[in-house]
Amino acid sequence: MNQSKSPINQIRGMRNNAQGHIFEDAVKKGCQIYQRDGRAVIDKTPEPFRVMKKNPDGIFTGRFTALAQPDFQGTIIGGRSIIFETKYTTADRIKRSALTTQQMEILESHEQMDALALVVFGIEGRFYTIPWDMWKNMKLFFKHQYLTKEDVNPWRVKFNGAVLFLDFMNHSSMSSIDQFYLEERRKNESQEFTAEEYLRRFGEFFGEAKK
C-alpha cells in the first residue's frame, strides 16, 4: 500500500495545509505591524502563476509557471534586505527537508549578498525564527536533521494574533533577530572562526536563553 496516499496521511496533509495558510496569514499580520511601527517593509512574494482560461462565471484555470520562491521579502530599518521562508507542521518536529532545494539555494544566495536570511516556522502552535545558517547546518547545531520545540526554545517568537517573527520571547539579552544578526556580524568581521568555535558561541547564546 502506498503510505503517502493512505486516508490518514491525506487527512494529515489537508490539516497541515490548512494550518499553513492560517500561519501565513498571521505572519502577514506581523508584517503589517512592523510596517506600521516603522521597523520593516516586508511583502508576500507572489506565486509565479499564469491564467490559462477565464470563464464567464468568473472562475478561471491556470498553472504555476515556475518553482516557488521563498515566501517573504523586504527591507528592515537601516536598509538591510530580509528574505525568509515560512513552514508549519502539526507534528512534534519539523524536518530540514521541509524546504525545497531551490528555496535553500535562494536563501543562500541572498545571505551571500548580506541579506537577513531566515526561516520562520511553527510547531504545534508555537512559532520560531532561526537564521538560515542554522537551518542549513542543522546537523552541526542540533545533532540531527529535524527540530523539536525543545531544540529551538530560545528562538521562540512572540504571538499576539500576529506572528511577530523578529521578536524573541525567551532570550534574556537579545530582544530581536535583527539585533542578533548585527551583533554576530560585528564579531565575525573582526576575526575568523572554525565550525567548532561557531557552534560553541551559539551554545553560549543558547545558554543565556530562559528555559
N, C-alpha and C. Protein backbone atom coordinates (compact mmCIF):
# COMPACT_ATOMS: atom_id res chain seq x y z
N MET A 1 0.83 -1.20 0.00
CA MET A 1 0.00 0.00 0.00
C MET A 1 0.87 1.25 0.00
N ASN A 2 0.52 2.22 -0.82
CA ASN A 2 1.25 3.49 -0.87
C ASN A 2 0.90 4.32 0.36
N GLN A 3 1.88 4.44 1.30
CA GLN A 3 1.60 5.15 2.55
C GLN A 3 1.27 6.62 2.32
N SER A 4 1.89 7.23 1.28
CA SER A 4 1.67 8.65 1.05
C SER A 4 0.24 8.94 0.62
N LYS A 5 -0.48 7.91 0.09
CA LYS A 5 -1.86 8.11 -0.35
C LYS A 5 -2.87 7.46 0.58
N SER A 6 -2.45 7.03 1.74
CA SER A 6 -3.38 6.44 2.69
C SER A 6 -4.33 7.51 3.21
N PRO A 7 -5.57 7.14 3.61
CA PRO A 7 -6.52 8.14 4.11
C PRO A 7 -5.98 8.94 5.29
N ILE A 8 -5.25 8.29 6.19
CA ILE A 8 -4.70 9.00 7.35
C ILE A 8 -3.71 10.07 6.91
N ASN A 9 -2.80 9.71 5.99
CA ASN A 9 -1.81 10.67 5.52
C ASN A 9 -2.46 11.80 4.71
N GLN A 10 -3.52 11.48 3.96
CA GLN A 10 -4.22 12.51 3.21
C GLN A 10 -4.89 13.50 4.15
N ILE A 11 -5.51 12.99 5.21
CA ILE A 11 -6.15 13.87 6.20
C ILE A 11 -5.11 14.73 6.90
N ARG A 12 -3.97 14.10 7.26
CA ARG A 12 -2.89 14.85 7.92
C ARG A 12 -2.37 15.95 6.99
N GLY A 13 -2.22 15.63 5.70
CA GLY A 13 -1.75 16.62 4.75
C GLY A 13 -2.72 17.78 4.59
N MET A 14 -4.02 17.48 4.55
CA MET A 14 -5.03 18.54 4.45
C MET A 14 -5.01 19.43 5.68
N ARG A 15 -4.83 18.82 6.85
CA ARG A 15 -4.79 19.60 8.09
C ARG A 15 -3.56 20.49 8.12
N ASN A 16 -2.41 19.95 7.72
CA ASN A 16 -1.19 20.75 7.68
C ASN A 16 -1.32 21.91 6.70
N ASN A 17 -1.96 21.65 5.55
CA ASN A 17 -2.12 22.68 4.54
C ASN A 17 -3.00 23.81 5.07
N ALA A 18 -4.10 23.46 5.75
CA ALA A 18 -4.99 24.47 6.31
C ALA A 18 -4.29 25.29 7.38
N GLN A 19 -3.57 24.60 8.27
CA GLN A 19 -2.84 25.31 9.32
C GLN A 19 -1.73 26.18 8.72
N GLY A 20 -1.14 25.72 7.64
CA GLY A 20 -0.11 26.50 6.98
C GLY A 20 -0.64 27.83 6.47
N HIS A 21 -1.85 27.82 5.91
CA HIS A 21 -2.46 29.06 5.43
C HIS A 21 -2.78 30.01 6.59
N ILE A 22 -3.27 29.46 7.69
CA ILE A 22 -3.55 30.28 8.87
C ILE A 22 -2.26 30.90 9.40
N PHE A 23 -1.21 30.09 9.45
CA PHE A 23 0.10 30.56 9.90
C PHE A 23 0.60 31.69 9.00
N GLU A 24 0.50 31.50 7.71
CA GLU A 24 0.97 32.51 6.77
C GLU A 24 0.21 33.82 6.95
N ASP A 25 -1.10 33.74 7.17
CA ASP A 25 -1.88 34.95 7.41
C ASP A 25 -1.42 35.66 8.67
N ALA A 26 -1.05 34.90 9.71
CA ALA A 26 -0.56 35.51 10.95
C ALA A 26 0.79 36.18 10.74
N VAL A 27 1.62 35.62 9.85
CA VAL A 27 2.90 36.25 9.51
C VAL A 27 2.64 37.55 8.75
N LYS A 28 1.67 37.55 7.85
CA LYS A 28 1.32 38.78 7.13
C LYS A 28 0.89 39.87 8.10
N LYS A 29 0.14 39.51 9.13
CA LYS A 29 -0.26 40.50 10.14
C LYS A 29 0.97 41.06 10.85
N GLY A 30 1.96 40.19 11.11
CA GLY A 30 3.21 40.66 11.70
C GLY A 30 3.91 41.67 10.79
N CYS A 31 3.90 41.41 9.49
CA CYS A 31 4.50 42.34 8.53
C CYS A 31 3.81 43.70 8.60
N GLN A 32 2.48 43.67 8.71
CA GLN A 32 1.72 44.92 8.79
C GLN A 32 2.08 45.71 10.05
N ILE A 33 2.27 45.01 11.16
CA ILE A 33 2.64 45.67 12.41
C ILE A 33 4.02 46.29 12.30
N TYR A 34 4.98 45.56 11.73
CA TYR A 34 6.33 46.09 11.58
C TYR A 34 6.36 47.31 10.66
N GLN A 35 5.53 47.29 9.60
CA GLN A 35 5.47 48.46 8.72
C GLN A 35 4.83 49.64 9.45
N ARG A 36 3.77 49.39 10.20
CA ARG A 36 3.12 50.46 10.97
C ARG A 36 4.08 51.10 11.96
N ASP A 37 4.92 50.27 12.58
CA ASP A 37 5.85 50.75 13.61
C ASP A 37 7.16 51.28 13.03
N GLY A 38 7.30 51.23 11.71
CA GLY A 38 8.50 51.77 11.08
C GLY A 38 9.73 50.90 11.21
N ARG A 39 9.53 49.61 11.43
CA ARG A 39 10.67 48.70 11.59
C ARG A 39 11.04 47.98 10.30
N ALA A 40 10.07 47.75 9.45
CA ALA A 40 10.34 46.98 8.23
C ALA A 40 9.19 47.14 7.25
N VAL A 41 9.52 46.94 5.98
CA VAL A 41 8.52 46.81 4.92
C VAL A 41 8.77 45.45 4.27
N ILE A 42 7.85 44.53 4.51
CA ILE A 42 8.03 43.14 4.05
C ILE A 42 6.74 42.69 3.38
N ASP A 43 6.84 42.09 2.21
CA ASP A 43 5.68 41.66 1.45
C ASP A 43 5.75 40.17 1.13
N LYS A 44 4.58 39.59 0.95
CA LYS A 44 4.48 38.21 0.49
C LYS A 44 4.93 38.14 -0.96
N THR A 45 5.77 37.18 -1.27
CA THR A 45 6.24 37.00 -2.64
C THR A 45 5.12 36.40 -3.49
N PRO A 46 4.73 37.04 -4.58
CA PRO A 46 3.66 36.48 -5.43
C PRO A 46 4.06 35.13 -6.01
N GLU A 47 3.09 34.25 -6.12
CA GLU A 47 3.34 32.96 -6.75
C GLU A 47 3.48 33.16 -8.26
N PRO A 48 4.43 32.47 -8.91
CA PRO A 48 4.58 32.57 -10.37
C PRO A 48 3.45 31.80 -11.07
N PHE A 49 2.36 32.50 -11.38
CA PHE A 49 1.14 31.85 -11.84
C PHE A 49 0.65 32.52 -13.12
N ARG A 50 0.15 31.72 -14.04
CA ARG A 50 -0.36 32.23 -15.31
C ARG A 50 -1.79 31.75 -15.52
N VAL A 51 -2.69 32.70 -15.82
CA VAL A 51 -4.09 32.36 -16.12
C VAL A 51 -4.16 31.80 -17.53
N MET A 52 -4.74 30.62 -17.66
CA MET A 52 -4.82 29.95 -18.96
C MET A 52 -6.19 30.16 -19.62
N LYS A 53 -7.24 30.27 -18.78
CA LYS A 53 -8.59 30.39 -19.34
C LYS A 53 -9.50 31.08 -18.34
N LYS A 54 -10.27 32.06 -18.82
CA LYS A 54 -11.26 32.75 -18.00
C LYS A 54 -12.65 32.33 -18.43
N ASN A 55 -13.48 31.98 -17.45
CA ASN A 55 -14.85 31.57 -17.74
C ASN A 55 -15.81 32.72 -17.44
N PRO A 56 -16.98 32.73 -18.06
CA PRO A 56 -17.96 33.81 -17.84
C PRO A 56 -18.40 33.94 -16.38
N ASP A 57 -18.38 32.85 -15.63
CA ASP A 57 -18.81 32.90 -14.23
C ASP A 57 -17.72 33.42 -13.29
N GLY A 58 -16.60 33.85 -13.85
CA GLY A 58 -15.53 34.40 -13.02
C GLY A 58 -14.50 33.38 -12.58
N ILE A 59 -14.78 32.11 -12.80
CA ILE A 59 -13.83 31.06 -12.46
C ILE A 59 -12.79 30.94 -13.58
N PHE A 60 -11.55 30.73 -13.19
CA PHE A 60 -10.51 30.61 -14.21
C PHE A 60 -9.65 29.38 -13.92
N THR A 61 -8.96 28.93 -14.93
CA THR A 61 -7.98 27.87 -14.77
C THR A 61 -6.61 28.44 -15.08
N GLY A 62 -5.59 27.86 -14.46
CA GLY A 62 -4.25 28.37 -14.67
C GLY A 62 -3.22 27.35 -14.23
N ARG A 63 -1.97 27.74 -14.30
CA ARG A 63 -0.90 26.86 -13.87
C ARG A 63 0.26 27.69 -13.33
N PHE A 64 1.02 27.08 -12.44
CA PHE A 64 2.23 27.72 -11.95
C PHE A 64 3.30 27.65 -13.03
N THR A 65 3.99 28.76 -13.23
CA THR A 65 4.95 28.85 -14.32
C THR A 65 6.39 28.64 -13.88
N ALA A 66 6.63 28.53 -12.58
CA ALA A 66 7.98 28.31 -12.07
C ALA A 66 7.89 27.72 -10.68
N LEU A 67 9.01 27.21 -10.19
CA LEU A 67 9.05 26.69 -8.83
C LEU A 67 8.89 27.84 -7.84
N ALA A 68 8.33 27.51 -6.67
CA ALA A 68 8.04 28.53 -5.67
C ALA A 68 9.31 29.20 -5.14
N GLN A 69 9.22 30.50 -4.92
CA GLN A 69 10.28 31.27 -4.30
C GLN A 69 10.05 31.30 -2.78
N PRO A 70 11.07 31.74 -1.99
CA PRO A 70 10.81 31.94 -0.55
C PRO A 70 9.64 32.89 -0.34
N ASP A 71 8.94 32.73 0.75
CA ASP A 71 7.62 33.32 0.92
C ASP A 71 7.60 34.84 1.07
N PHE A 72 8.57 35.42 1.79
CA PHE A 72 8.51 36.85 2.11
C PHE A 72 9.85 37.51 1.83
N GLN A 73 9.78 38.76 1.33
CA GLN A 73 10.98 39.55 1.08
C GLN A 73 10.68 41.02 1.38
N GLY A 74 11.72 41.75 1.77
CA GLY A 74 11.52 43.16 2.05
C GLY A 74 12.78 43.81 2.57
N THR A 75 12.59 44.89 3.35
CA THR A 75 13.69 45.67 3.88
C THR A 75 13.40 46.04 5.32
N ILE A 76 14.41 45.90 6.18
CA ILE A 76 14.26 46.33 7.56
C ILE A 76 14.88 47.71 7.73
N ILE A 77 14.53 48.37 8.82
CA ILE A 77 15.04 49.72 9.07
C ILE A 77 16.57 49.71 9.05
N GLY A 78 17.12 50.71 8.40
CA GLY A 78 18.56 50.75 8.19
C GLY A 78 18.95 50.34 6.79
N GLY A 79 18.00 49.75 6.04
CA GLY A 79 18.23 49.44 4.64
C GLY A 79 18.62 48.02 4.32
N ARG A 80 18.66 47.14 5.31
CA ARG A 80 19.09 45.77 5.04
C ARG A 80 17.94 44.94 4.45
N SER A 81 18.26 44.17 3.42
CA SER A 81 17.28 43.28 2.81
C SER A 81 16.98 42.11 3.74
N ILE A 82 15.72 41.65 3.72
CA ILE A 82 15.31 40.49 4.50
C ILE A 82 14.55 39.54 3.58
N ILE A 83 14.80 38.26 3.74
CA ILE A 83 14.11 37.23 2.97
C ILE A 83 13.93 36.02 3.86
N PHE A 84 12.74 35.42 3.82
CA PHE A 84 12.54 34.22 4.64
C PHE A 84 11.45 33.33 4.07
N GLU A 85 11.58 32.08 4.42
CA GLU A 85 10.60 31.04 4.09
C GLU A 85 9.78 30.74 5.33
N THR A 86 8.51 30.42 5.15
CA THR A 86 7.65 30.04 6.26
C THR A 86 7.20 28.59 6.10
N LYS A 87 7.19 27.87 7.22
CA LYS A 87 6.75 26.48 7.24
C LYS A 87 5.99 26.23 8.55
N TYR A 88 5.01 25.35 8.46
CA TYR A 88 4.26 24.99 9.66
C TYR A 88 3.99 23.49 9.66
N THR A 89 4.05 22.89 10.86
CA THR A 89 3.70 21.47 10.99
C THR A 89 2.85 21.26 12.24
N THR A 90 1.91 20.34 12.12
CA THR A 90 1.12 19.93 13.28
C THR A 90 1.79 18.76 14.00
N ALA A 91 2.91 18.27 13.45
CA ALA A 91 3.67 17.21 14.10
C ALA A 91 4.52 17.80 15.22
N ASP A 92 5.26 16.95 15.93
CA ASP A 92 6.07 17.43 17.05
C ASP A 92 7.49 17.81 16.63
N ARG A 93 7.76 17.80 15.32
CA ARG A 93 9.08 18.17 14.81
C ARG A 93 8.95 18.61 13.36
N ILE A 94 9.91 19.41 12.94
CA ILE A 94 9.93 19.85 11.55
C ILE A 94 11.27 19.47 10.94
N LYS A 95 11.23 18.91 9.74
CA LYS A 95 12.44 18.40 9.10
C LYS A 95 13.15 19.49 8.29
N ARG A 96 14.46 19.35 8.21
CA ARG A 96 15.24 20.25 7.36
C ARG A 96 14.74 20.20 5.93
N SER A 97 14.32 19.04 5.48
CA SER A 97 13.86 18.85 4.11
C SER A 97 12.51 19.49 3.83
N ALA A 98 11.92 20.16 4.83
CA ALA A 98 10.68 20.90 4.58
C ALA A 98 10.90 22.02 3.56
N LEU A 99 12.14 22.51 3.47
CA LEU A 99 12.49 23.46 2.43
C LEU A 99 12.95 22.71 1.19
N THR A 100 12.54 23.19 0.03
CA THR A 100 12.99 22.58 -1.21
C THR A 100 14.43 22.99 -1.49
N THR A 101 15.07 22.25 -2.37
CA THR A 101 16.45 22.59 -2.76
C THR A 101 16.52 23.99 -3.33
N GLN A 102 15.55 24.36 -4.17
CA GLN A 102 15.57 25.69 -4.76
C GLN A 102 15.39 26.77 -3.70
N GLN A 103 14.50 26.57 -2.74
CA GLN A 103 14.31 27.55 -1.67
C GLN A 103 15.60 27.73 -0.86
N MET A 104 16.28 26.61 -0.59
CA MET A 104 17.55 26.70 0.13
C MET A 104 18.59 27.46 -0.68
N GLU A 105 18.66 27.19 -1.96
CA GLU A 105 19.64 27.86 -2.82
C GLU A 105 19.38 29.36 -2.86
N ILE A 106 18.13 29.75 -2.92
CA ILE A 106 17.80 31.17 -2.97
C ILE A 106 18.13 31.86 -1.66
N LEU A 107 17.80 31.23 -0.53
CA LEU A 107 18.16 31.81 0.76
C LEU A 107 19.67 31.97 0.88
N GLU A 108 20.40 30.96 0.43
CA GLU A 108 21.86 31.01 0.49
C GLU A 108 22.40 32.14 -0.37
N SER A 109 21.89 32.29 -1.57
CA SER A 109 22.39 33.34 -2.47
C SER A 109 22.12 34.73 -1.91
N HIS A 110 20.97 34.91 -1.27
CA HIS A 110 20.66 36.21 -0.67
C HIS A 110 21.54 36.46 0.55
N GLU A 111 21.78 35.43 1.36
CA GLU A 111 22.65 35.62 2.52
C GLU A 111 24.06 35.99 2.08
N GLN A 112 24.52 35.40 0.98
CA GLN A 112 25.85 35.72 0.48
C GLN A 112 25.96 37.19 0.06
N MET A 113 24.80 37.80 -0.25
CA MET A 113 24.77 39.22 -0.60
C MET A 113 24.47 40.09 0.61
N ASP A 114 24.59 39.49 1.82
CA ASP A 114 24.43 40.21 3.09
C ASP A 114 22.98 40.48 3.46
N ALA A 115 22.05 39.75 2.86
CA ALA A 115 20.65 39.86 3.27
C ALA A 115 20.44 39.15 4.60
N LEU A 116 19.39 39.53 5.31
CA LEU A 116 18.98 38.85 6.52
C LEU A 116 18.11 37.68 6.09
N ALA A 117 18.69 36.49 5.99
CA ALA A 117 18.00 35.29 5.50
C ALA A 117 17.57 34.44 6.69
N LEU A 118 16.29 34.11 6.75
CA LEU A 118 15.71 33.45 7.92
C LEU A 118 14.79 32.32 7.49
N VAL A 119 14.45 31.47 8.46
CA VAL A 119 13.35 30.53 8.32
C VAL A 119 12.41 30.78 9.50
N VAL A 120 11.16 31.08 9.19
CA VAL A 120 10.13 31.33 10.19
C VAL A 120 9.18 30.14 10.16
N PHE A 121 8.97 29.49 11.29
CA PHE A 121 8.20 28.25 11.27
C PHE A 121 7.40 28.05 12.55
N GLY A 122 6.42 27.16 12.44
CA GLY A 122 5.59 26.82 13.58
C GLY A 122 5.58 25.32 13.83
N ILE A 123 5.58 24.97 15.11
CA ILE A 123 5.46 23.57 15.53
C ILE A 123 4.37 23.50 16.58
N GLU A 124 3.26 22.87 16.25
CA GLU A 124 2.18 22.64 17.21
C GLU A 124 1.78 23.92 17.96
N GLY A 125 1.53 24.99 17.23
CA GLY A 125 1.01 26.20 17.84
C GLY A 125 2.02 27.13 18.46
N ARG A 126 3.31 26.83 18.33
CA ARG A 126 4.36 27.73 18.78
C ARG A 126 5.18 28.15 17.56
N PHE A 127 5.75 29.35 17.65
CA PHE A 127 6.35 29.95 16.47
C PHE A 127 7.80 30.36 16.74
N TYR A 128 8.63 30.21 15.70
CA TYR A 128 10.07 30.37 15.86
C TYR A 128 10.67 31.03 14.63
N THR A 129 11.79 31.71 14.84
CA THR A 129 12.61 32.24 13.75
C THR A 129 14.05 31.86 14.02
N ILE A 130 14.69 31.24 13.04
CA ILE A 130 16.12 30.99 13.18
C ILE A 130 16.84 31.48 11.93
N PRO A 131 18.12 31.83 12.05
CA PRO A 131 18.89 32.24 10.87
C PRO A 131 19.00 31.09 9.87
N TRP A 132 19.04 31.45 8.59
CA TRP A 132 19.20 30.45 7.55
C TRP A 132 20.44 29.60 7.80
N ASP A 133 21.51 30.21 8.29
CA ASP A 133 22.75 29.47 8.52
C ASP A 133 22.55 28.32 9.49
N MET A 134 21.69 28.49 10.47
CA MET A 134 21.43 27.43 11.43
C MET A 134 20.57 26.33 10.81
N TRP A 135 19.59 26.74 10.00
CA TRP A 135 18.77 25.73 9.31
C TRP A 135 19.65 24.93 8.35
N LYS A 136 20.48 25.64 7.60
CA LYS A 136 21.37 24.98 6.63
C LYS A 136 22.28 23.97 7.33
N ASN A 137 22.82 24.35 8.47
CA ASN A 137 23.75 23.50 9.23
C ASN A 137 23.08 22.85 10.43
N MET A 138 21.86 22.39 10.23
CA MET A 138 21.06 21.84 11.32
C MET A 138 21.77 20.69 12.04
N LYS A 139 22.41 19.84 11.28
CA LYS A 139 23.13 18.70 11.86
C LYS A 139 24.24 19.19 12.79
N LEU A 140 24.93 20.24 12.40
CA LEU A 140 26.02 20.78 13.21
C LEU A 140 25.50 21.37 14.52
N PHE A 141 24.43 22.15 14.42
CA PHE A 141 23.93 22.86 15.60
C PHE A 141 23.07 21.99 16.52
N PHE A 142 22.29 21.07 15.94
CA PHE A 142 21.30 20.34 16.73
C PHE A 142 21.53 18.83 16.76
N LYS A 143 22.56 18.34 16.05
CA LYS A 143 22.93 16.92 16.05
C LYS A 143 21.97 16.03 15.27
N HIS A 144 20.96 16.63 14.63
CA HIS A 144 20.05 15.84 13.79
C HIS A 144 19.43 16.77 12.75
N GLN A 145 18.69 16.17 11.81
CA GLN A 145 18.18 16.91 10.66
C GLN A 145 16.70 17.27 10.83
N TYR A 146 16.30 17.52 12.07
CA TYR A 146 14.95 17.98 12.36
C TYR A 146 15.02 18.84 13.61
N LEU A 147 13.94 19.58 13.87
CA LEU A 147 13.87 20.44 15.04
C LEU A 147 12.62 20.13 15.84
N THR A 148 12.75 20.09 17.15
CA THR A 148 11.61 19.98 18.05
C THR A 148 11.45 21.31 18.78
N LYS A 149 10.34 21.45 19.50
CA LYS A 149 10.12 22.68 20.28
C LYS A 149 11.22 22.87 21.32
N GLU A 150 11.70 21.79 21.87
CA GLU A 150 12.76 21.88 22.88
C GLU A 150 14.07 22.37 22.24
N ASP A 151 14.35 21.92 21.03
CA ASP A 151 15.57 22.34 20.34
C ASP A 151 15.63 23.85 20.16
N VAL A 152 14.50 24.43 19.83
CA VAL A 152 14.50 25.83 19.40
C VAL A 152 13.80 26.76 20.39
N ASN A 153 13.68 26.33 21.63
CA ASN A 153 13.03 27.19 22.63
C ASN A 153 13.62 28.59 22.69
N PRO A 154 14.96 28.77 22.62
CA PRO A 154 15.50 30.13 22.66
C PRO A 154 15.10 31.00 21.47
N TRP A 155 14.64 30.37 20.40
CA TRP A 155 14.30 31.10 19.18
C TRP A 155 12.78 31.28 19.03
N ARG A 156 12.04 31.00 20.09
CA ARG A 156 10.60 31.21 20.03
C ARG A 156 10.30 32.71 19.93
N VAL A 157 9.32 33.05 19.08
CA VAL A 157 8.98 34.46 18.88
C VAL A 157 7.58 34.75 19.42
N LYS A 158 7.30 36.03 19.54
CA LYS A 158 6.05 36.48 20.15
C LYS A 158 4.86 36.27 19.22
N PHE A 159 3.71 36.09 19.84
CA PHE A 159 2.46 35.92 19.09
C PHE A 159 1.34 36.64 19.82
N ASN A 160 0.64 37.52 19.11
CA ASN A 160 -0.50 38.23 19.69
C ASN A 160 -1.69 38.23 18.74
N GLY A 161 -1.83 37.14 18.01
CA GLY A 161 -2.75 37.08 16.88
C GLY A 161 -1.99 37.27 15.59
N ALA A 162 -0.84 37.93 15.69
CA ALA A 162 0.13 38.05 14.60
C ALA A 162 1.41 37.35 15.05
N VAL A 163 2.10 36.71 14.11
CA VAL A 163 3.41 36.13 14.40
C VAL A 163 4.44 37.25 14.29
N LEU A 164 4.99 37.66 15.43
CA LEU A 164 5.99 38.73 15.46
C LEU A 164 7.37 38.09 15.30
N PHE A 165 7.67 37.76 14.07
CA PHE A 165 8.79 36.88 13.74
C PHE A 165 10.16 37.49 13.99
N LEU A 166 10.24 38.78 14.23
CA LEU A 166 11.53 39.40 14.55
C LEU A 166 11.79 39.49 16.06
N ASP A 167 10.80 39.18 16.88
CA ASP A 167 10.89 39.45 18.31
C ASP A 167 10.87 38.18 19.16
N PHE A 168 11.97 37.96 19.88
CA PHE A 168 12.10 36.79 20.73
C PHE A 168 11.20 36.85 21.95
N MET A 169 10.79 35.70 22.42
CA MET A 169 10.11 35.58 23.71
C MET A 169 11.06 35.24 24.84
N ASN A 170 12.05 34.37 24.57
CA ASN A 170 12.77 33.69 25.64
C ASN A 170 14.21 34.11 25.85
N HIS A 171 14.67 35.06 25.07
CA HIS A 171 16.08 35.41 25.22
C HIS A 171 16.25 36.59 26.17
N SER A 172 17.21 36.46 27.07
CA SER A 172 17.38 37.44 28.15
C SER A 172 18.14 38.68 27.74
N SER A 173 18.97 38.59 26.68
CA SER A 173 19.80 39.74 26.33
C SER A 173 19.61 40.24 24.91
N MET A 174 18.97 39.45 24.05
CA MET A 174 18.68 39.86 22.68
C MET A 174 17.17 39.87 22.50
N SER A 175 16.63 41.02 22.13
CA SER A 175 15.17 41.10 22.01
C SER A 175 14.67 40.79 20.61
N SER A 176 15.56 40.87 19.61
CA SER A 176 15.08 40.66 18.25
C SER A 176 16.14 40.00 17.38
N ILE A 177 15.67 39.31 16.35
CA ILE A 177 16.56 38.56 15.47
C ILE A 177 17.45 39.49 14.66
N ASP A 178 16.98 40.67 14.30
CA ASP A 178 17.82 41.58 13.54
C ASP A 178 18.97 42.12 14.41
N GLN A 179 18.72 42.36 15.69
CA GLN A 179 19.79 42.76 16.59
C GLN A 179 20.84 41.65 16.72
N PHE A 180 20.37 40.42 16.81
CA PHE A 180 21.29 39.28 16.92
C PHE A 180 22.20 39.21 15.71
N TYR A 181 21.63 39.36 14.52
CA TYR A 181 22.43 39.32 13.30
C TYR A 181 23.48 40.41 13.28
N LEU A 182 23.10 41.62 13.69
CA LEU A 182 24.05 42.72 13.69
C LEU A 182 25.21 42.45 14.64
N GLU A 183 24.91 41.91 15.83
CA GLU A 183 25.97 41.61 16.79
C GLU A 183 26.90 40.52 16.26
N GLU A 184 26.33 39.47 15.67
CA GLU A 184 27.15 38.39 15.15
C GLU A 184 28.04 38.87 14.00
N ARG A 185 27.49 39.74 13.15
CA ARG A 185 28.28 40.22 12.02
C ARG A 185 29.45 41.07 12.51
N ARG A 186 29.22 41.89 13.53
CA ARG A 186 30.31 42.70 14.06
C ARG A 186 31.44 41.80 14.58
N LYS A 187 31.07 40.72 15.27
CA LYS A 187 32.07 39.80 15.79
C LYS A 187 32.80 39.08 14.66
N ASN A 188 32.04 38.65 13.66
CA ASN A 188 32.64 37.89 12.57
C ASN A 188 33.56 38.74 11.70
N GLU A 189 33.29 40.06 11.63
CA GLU A 189 34.13 40.93 10.84
C GLU A 189 35.52 41.11 11.45
N SER A 190 35.60 40.90 12.76
CA SER A 190 36.87 41.15 13.44
C SER A 190 37.77 39.92 13.50
N GLN A 191 37.21 38.71 13.29
CA GLN A 191 38.03 37.51 13.36
C GLN A 191 37.33 36.35 12.65
N GLU A 192 38.07 35.30 12.36
CA GLU A 192 37.52 34.13 11.69
C GLU A 192 37.34 33.02 12.71
N PHE A 193 36.34 32.15 12.45
CA PHE A 193 36.02 31.09 13.39
C PHE A 193 35.92 29.75 12.66
N THR A 194 36.33 28.71 13.33
CA THR A 194 36.09 27.36 12.83
C THR A 194 34.63 27.00 13.11
N ALA A 195 34.17 25.92 12.48
CA ALA A 195 32.80 25.46 12.74
C ALA A 195 32.60 25.13 14.21
N GLU A 196 33.63 24.56 14.85
CA GLU A 196 33.52 24.19 16.26
C GLU A 196 33.38 25.43 17.14
N GLU A 197 34.16 26.48 16.81
CA GLU A 197 34.08 27.71 17.58
C GLU A 197 32.73 28.39 17.37
N TYR A 198 32.25 28.36 16.13
CA TYR A 198 30.94 28.94 15.82
C TYR A 198 29.85 28.24 16.63
N LEU A 199 29.95 26.91 16.71
CA LEU A 199 28.99 26.14 17.48
C LEU A 199 29.08 26.48 18.96
N ARG A 200 30.29 26.63 19.47
CA ARG A 200 30.47 26.96 20.88
C ARG A 200 29.82 28.31 21.21
N ARG A 201 30.01 29.27 20.29
CA ARG A 201 29.44 30.59 20.53
C ARG A 201 27.92 30.55 20.52
N PHE A 202 27.34 29.77 19.61
CA PHE A 202 25.89 29.64 19.61
C PHE A 202 25.42 28.89 20.85
N GLY A 203 26.24 27.95 21.34
CA GLY A 203 25.90 27.26 22.58
C GLY A 203 25.83 28.22 23.75
N GLU A 204 26.76 29.18 23.78
CA GLU A 204 26.73 30.19 24.82
C GLU A 204 25.49 31.05 24.69
N PHE A 205 25.13 31.38 23.44
CA PHE A 205 23.92 32.16 23.19
C PHE A 205 22.69 31.42 23.69
N PHE A 206 22.63 30.10 23.38
CA PHE A 206 21.51 29.29 23.84
C PHE A 206 21.46 29.25 25.36
N GLY A 207 22.62 29.19 25.99
CA GLY A 207 22.67 29.11 27.45
C GLY A 207 22.12 30.34 28.14
N GLU A 208 22.11 31.49 27.43
CA GLU A 208 21.58 32.69 28.01
C GLU A 208 20.06 32.74 27.96
N ALA A 209 19.47 31.88 27.13
CA ALA A 209 18.02 31.93 26.96
C ALA A 209 17.30 31.37 28.19
N LYS A 210 16.16 31.94 28.45
CA LYS A 210 15.36 31.45 29.57
C LYS A 210 14.76 30.11 29.21
N LYS A 211 14.75 29.19 30.13
CA LYS A 211 14.18 27.86 29.87
C LYS A 211 12.70 27.86 30.24
